[in-house]
């Protein structure tokens, strides 16, 4: 079985059926079932120390949980 790694919120959107197309720079002939892997990304330190960014990020997470889950 194949695995597709995506960052959030894209992994959740695919799981919920809200995102149906994913494009990549390489071709594949594989068609069939696959696992969705929600990979993590590093947030730059400058962003973590920015209170406005933290507020907006937390707000977006709440919206995702409210509307998608």
Protein backbone atom coordinates (compact mmCIF):
# COMPACT_ATOMS: atom_id res chain seq x y z
CA UNK A 1 0.00 0.00 0.00
CA UNK A 2 1.22 3.53 -0.80
CA UNK A 3 1.42 6.52 1.56
CA UNK A 4 0.79 10.17 0.71
CA UNK A 5 2.36 12.70 3.11
CA UNK A 6 0.63 16.05 3.46
CA UNK A 7 0.71 18.89 5.94
CA UNK A 8 -2.37 19.93 7.82
CA UNK A 9 -5.06 20.98 7.08
CA UNK A 10 -4.77 19.17 3.72
CA UNK A 11 -4.53 15.67 5.23
CA UNK A 12 -7.74 16.20 7.19
CA UNK A 13 -9.50 17.76 4.21
CA UNK A 14 -8.70 14.72 2.08
CA UNK A 15 -9.83 12.38 4.86
CA UNK A 16 -13.17 14.20 5.10
CA UNK A 17 -13.65 14.22 1.33
CA UNK A 18 -13.50 18.02 1.07
CA UNK A 19 -10.28 17.95 -1.01
CA UNK A 20 -10.42 15.51 -3.89
CA UNK A 21 -7.41 16.48 -6.02
CA UNK A 22 -3.73 16.48 -5.04
CA UNK A 23 -1.09 17.40 -7.59
CA UNK A 24 2.58 16.49 -7.50
CA UNK A 25 5.55 17.31 -9.72
CA UNK A 26 6.07 13.65 -10.63
CA UNK A 27 3.88 11.15 -12.46
CA UNK A 28 2.61 7.89 -11.04
CA UNK A 29 0.66 5.04 -12.54
CA UNK A 30 -0.60 3.93 -9.12
CA UNK A 31 -4.36 3.88 -8.71
CA UNK A 32 -5.93 2.45 -5.61
CA UNK A 33 -6.10 2.73 -1.85
CA UNK A 34 -3.47 4.65 0.06
CA UNK A 35 -2.68 5.87 3.53
CA UNK A 36 -2.78 9.59 4.33
CA UNK A 37 0.10 10.76 6.53
CA UNK A 38 -0.25 14.14 8.27
CA UNK A 39 3.36 15.32 8.33
CA UNK A 40 4.57 18.05 10.64
CA UNK A 41 6.35 21.18 9.61
CA UNK A 42 8.58 23.40 11.64
CA UNK A 43 7.21 26.83 12.45
CA UNK A 44 9.94 29.49 12.35
CA UNK A 45 10.89 30.93 15.75
CA UNK A 46 10.00 34.43 14.55
CA UNK A 47 6.42 33.26 14.02
CA UNK A 48 6.17 31.52 17.40
CA UNK A 49 7.23 34.71 19.19
CA UNK A 50 4.67 36.79 17.27
CA UNK A 51 1.53 37.00 19.44
CA UNK A 52 -0.63 37.95 16.47
CA UNK A 53 0.48 34.85 14.54
CA UNK A 54 -0.22 32.59 17.53
CA UNK A 55 -3.69 34.12 17.92
CA UNK A 56 -4.53 33.72 14.22
CA UNK A 57 -3.14 30.17 14.13
CA UNK A 58 -5.21 29.11 17.15
CA UNK A 59 -8.29 30.74 15.63
CA UNK A 60 -7.79 28.83 12.36
CA UNK A 61 -7.42 25.55 14.24
CA UNK A 62 -10.70 26.22 16.04
CA UNK A 63 -12.43 26.95 12.73
CA UNK A 64 -11.12 23.71 11.26
CA UNK A 65 -12.34 21.70 14.22
CA UNK A 66 -15.75 23.40 14.19
CA UNK A 67 -16.47 23.13 10.46
CA UNK A 68 -14.68 19.94 9.44
CA UNK A 69 -14.79 17.51 12.32
